[in-house]
Amino acid sequence: MTAPILNYVLHLPPNVPAETFWSITLYDVDTRCIIKNEQQIVDRSSRMGLLENKGGSIDLYFGPNVPESNWIGTIDDLGFFTVLRLFSPTAPYFDKTWKPDDIVKIG
């Protein structure tokens, strides 16, 4: 029996508190190195012209199945973890009035 193919989404509320830019990167659980996916794209950032939701929030997708946008490919049966970096974080980060949602399994 093979493991099901899983996809995940991370919802970033509007106004990510990063003056310079923000970035999210996927890493391989076993090696702790960046994930080596087919696309050779391991991160997404505010410098990439990502598709925004109405209201300015952003959904980021992780998994082997390609959604319409804002996607980082993963590898079947390979665990991964994410790191969200805020470059030049602003007050809402420090006073905890802004925080990303949890990563959610979507199928």
C-alpha atoms as a PDB file:
ATOM      1  CA  MET A   1       0.000   0.000   0.000  1.00  0.00           C
ATOM      2  CA  THR A   2       1.417   3.390  -0.951  1.00  0.00           C
ATOM      3  CA  ALA A   3       1.074   6.495   1.160  1.00  0.00           C
ATOM      4  CA  PRO A   4      -1.494   9.027  -0.049  1.00  0.00           C
ATOM      5  CA  ILE A   5      -0.223  12.083  -1.880  1.00  0.00           C
ATOM      6  CA  LEU A   6      -0.692  15.007   0.462  1.00  0.00           C
ATOM      7  CA  ASN A   7      -0.880  18.689  -0.246  1.00  0.00           C
ATOM      8  CA  TYR A   8      -0.760  21.501   2.276  1.00  0.00           C
ATOM      9  CA  VAL A   9      -1.614  25.194   2.415  1.00  0.00           C
ATOM     10  CA  LEU A  10      -0.248  28.023   4.538  1.00  0.00           C
ATOM     11  CA  HIS A  11      -2.401  31.140   4.769  1.00  0.00           C
ATOM     12  CA  LEU A  12      -0.492  34.371   5.389  1.00  0.00           C
ATOM     13  CA  PRO A  13      -2.758  37.192   6.582  1.00  0.00           C
ATOM     14  CA  PRO A  14      -2.371  40.559   4.847  1.00  0.00           C
ATOM     15  CA  ASN A  15       0.420  42.978   5.696  1.00  0.00           C
ATOM     16  CA  VAL A  16       3.206  40.526   6.474  1.00  0.00           C
ATOM     17  CA  PRO A  17       5.375  42.526   8.911  1.00  0.00           C
ATOM     18  CA  ALA A  18       8.594  42.601   6.904  1.00  0.00           C
ATOM     19  CA  GLU A  19       9.964  45.935   5.768  1.00  0.00           C
ATOM     20  CA  THR A  20      12.486  44.484   3.301  1.00  0.00           C
ATOM     21  CA  PHE A  21      10.813  41.195   2.245  1.00  0.00           C
ATOM     22  CA  TRP A  22       9.620  37.829   3.545  1.00  0.00           C
ATOM     23  CA  SER A  23      10.484  34.322   2.347  1.00  0.00           C
ATOM     24  CA  ILE A  24       9.389  30.757   3.055  1.00  0.00           C
ATOM     25  CA  THR A  25      11.727  27.846   2.285  1.00  0.00           C
ATOM     26  CA  LEU A  26      11.182  24.062   2.336  1.00  0.00           C
ATOM     27  CA  TYR A  27      13.772  21.734   3.858  1.00  0.00           C
ATOM     28  CA  ASP A  28      14.224  17.942   3.822  1.00  0.00           C
ATOM     29  CA  VAL A  29      13.494  16.444   7.266  1.00  0.00           C
ATOM     30  CA  ASP A  30      16.217  13.796   6.949  1.00  0.00           C
ATOM     31  CA  THR A  31      19.119  15.908   5.695  1.00  0.00           C
ATOM     32  CA  ARG A  32      18.055  19.346   7.018  1.00  0.00           C
ATOM     33  CA  CYS A  33      19.102  20.688   3.580  1.00  0.00           C
ATOM     34  CA  ILE A  34      16.829  22.464   1.128  1.00  0.00           C
ATOM     35  CA  ILE A  35      14.412  20.088  -0.543  1.00  0.00           C
ATOM     36  CA  LYS A  36      15.572  18.799  -3.937  1.00  0.00           C
ATOM     37  CA  ASN A  37      12.391  18.862  -5.985  1.00  0.00           C
ATOM     38  CA  GLU A  38      12.018  18.526  -9.771  1.00  0.00           C
ATOM     39  CA  GLN A  39      11.290  22.207 -10.210  1.00  0.00           C
ATOM     40  CA  GLN A  40      14.445  23.291  -8.355  1.00  0.00           C
ATOM     41  CA  ILE A  41      12.316  25.915  -6.636  1.00  0.00           C
ATOM     42  CA  VAL A  42      12.540  25.649  -2.864  1.00  0.00           C
ATOM     43  CA  ASP A  43      11.111  28.971  -1.753  1.00  0.00           C
ATOM     44  CA  ARG A  44       8.537  31.645  -2.404  1.00  0.00           C
ATOM     45  CA  SER A  45       8.824  35.238  -1.315  1.00  0.00           C
ATOM     46  CA  SER A  46       7.271  38.667  -1.451  1.00  0.00           C
ATOM     47  CA  ARG A  47       9.788  39.505  -4.195  1.00  0.00           C
ATOM     48  CA  MET A  48       8.144  37.012  -6.593  1.00  0.00           C
ATOM     49  CA  GLY A  49       4.855  38.670  -7.511  1.00  0.00           C
ATOM     50  CA  LEU A  50       2.722  36.013  -5.842  1.00  0.00           C
ATOM     51  CA  LEU A  51      -1.019  35.833  -6.414  1.00  0.00           C
ATOM     52  CA  GLU A  52      -2.836  37.589  -3.566  1.00  0.00           C
ATOM     53  CA  ASN A  53      -6.310  36.787  -2.286  1.00  0.00           C
ATOM     54  CA  LYS A  54      -8.970  39.446  -2.034  1.00  0.00           C
ATOM     55  CA  GLY A  55      -7.964  41.585   0.937  1.00  0.00           C
ATOM     56  CA  GLY A  56      -4.228  41.064   0.465  1.00  0.00           C
ATOM     57  CA  SER A  57      -3.685  37.693   2.158  1.00  0.00           C
ATOM     58  CA  ILE A  58      -1.604  35.016   0.422  1.00  0.00           C
ATOM     59  CA  ASP A  59      -2.031  31.242   0.283  1.00  0.00           C
ATOM     60  CA  LEU A  60       1.120  29.168  -0.241  1.00  0.00           C
ATOM     61  CA  TYR A  61       0.846  25.536  -1.343  1.00  0.00           C
ATOM     62  CA  PHE A  62       3.238  22.648  -0.687  1.00  0.00           C
ATOM     63  CA  GLY A  63       2.884  19.219  -2.274  1.00  0.00           C
ATOM     64  CA  PRO A  64       3.442  17.114  -5.385  1.00  0.00           C
ATOM     65  CA  ASN A  65       0.251  18.330  -7.099  1.00  0.00           C
ATOM     66  CA  VAL A  66       0.470  21.711  -8.798  1.00  0.00           C
ATOM     67  CA  PRO A  67      -2.288  24.204  -7.913  1.00  0.00           C
ATOM     68  CA  GLU A  68      -2.805  27.368  -9.928  1.00  0.00           C
ATOM     69  CA  SER A  69      -0.083  29.427  -8.214  1.00  0.00           C
ATOM     70  CA  ASN A  70       2.099  30.073  -5.158  1.00  0.00           C
ATOM     71  CA  TRP A  71       3.351  26.487  -5.069  1.00  0.00           C
ATOM     72  CA  ILE A  72       6.508  24.708  -3.914  1.00  0.00           C
ATOM     73  CA  GLY A  73       6.808  21.112  -5.052  1.00  0.00           C
ATOM     74  CA  THR A  74       7.512  18.305  -2.600  1.00  0.00           C
ATOM     75  CA  ILE A  75       8.612  14.711  -3.117  1.00  0.00           C
ATOM     76  CA  ASP A  76       6.350  11.719  -2.407  1.00  0.00           C
ATOM     77  CA  ASP A  77       7.233   9.949   0.853  1.00  0.00           C
ATOM     78  CA  LEU A  78       9.790  12.599   1.832  1.00  0.00           C
ATOM     79  CA  GLY A  79       9.121  14.658   4.919  1.00  0.00           C
ATOM     80  CA  PHE A  80       9.707  18.390   4.852  1.00  0.00           C
ATOM     81  CA  PHE A  81       9.583  21.392   7.130  1.00  0.00           C
ATOM     82  CA  THR A  82       9.279  25.102   6.427  1.00  0.00           C
ATOM     83  CA  VAL A  83      11.065  28.213   7.617  1.00  0.00           C
ATOM     84  CA  LEU A  84       9.351  31.593   7.318  1.00  0.00           C
ATOM     85  CA  ARG A  85      11.815  34.467   7.411  1.00  0.00           C
ATOM     86  CA  LEU A  86      10.897  38.111   7.887  1.00  0.00           C
ATOM     87  CA  PHE A  87      13.666  40.443   6.736  1.00  0.00           C
ATOM     88  CA  SER A  88      13.591  43.714   8.699  1.00  0.00           C
ATOM     89  CA  PRO A  89      10.558  42.681  10.773  1.00  0.00           C
ATOM     90  CA  THR A  90       8.208  45.441  11.873  1.00  0.00           C
ATOM     91  CA  ALA A  91       6.246  46.083  15.081  1.00  0.00           C
ATOM     92  CA  PRO A  92       3.331  43.658  14.415  1.00  0.00           C
ATOM     93  CA  TYR A  93       5.837  40.779  14.530  1.00  0.00           C
ATOM     94  CA  PHE A  94       7.325  41.871  17.830  1.00  0.00           C
ATOM     95  CA  ASP A  95       4.039  42.727  19.539  1.00  0.00           C
ATOM     96  CA  LYS A  96       2.481  39.519  18.152  1.00  0.00           C
ATOM     97  CA  THR A  97      -0.482  41.272  16.512  1.00  0.00           C
ATOM     98  CA  TRP A  98       0.353  39.459  13.230  1.00  0.00           C
ATOM     99  CA  LYS A  99       0.991  35.750  12.898  1.00  0.00           C
ATOM    100  CA  PRO A 100       0.709  33.226  10.071  1.00  0.00           C
ATOM    101  CA  ASP A 101      -1.942  30.535  10.224  1.00  0.00           C
ATOM    102  CA  ASP A 102      -0.924  26.925  10.809  1.00  0.00           C
ATOM    103  CA  ILE A 103      -0.050  24.794   7.782  1.00  0.00           C
ATOM    104  CA  VAL A 104      -3.145  22.720   6.958  1.00  0.00           C
ATOM    105  CA  LYS A 105      -3.433  19.413   5.099  1.00  0.00           C
ATOM    106  CA  ILE A 106      -5.767  19.824   2.118  1.00  0.00           C
ATOM    107  CA  GLY A 107      -5.669  16.340   0.605  1.00  0.00           C
END
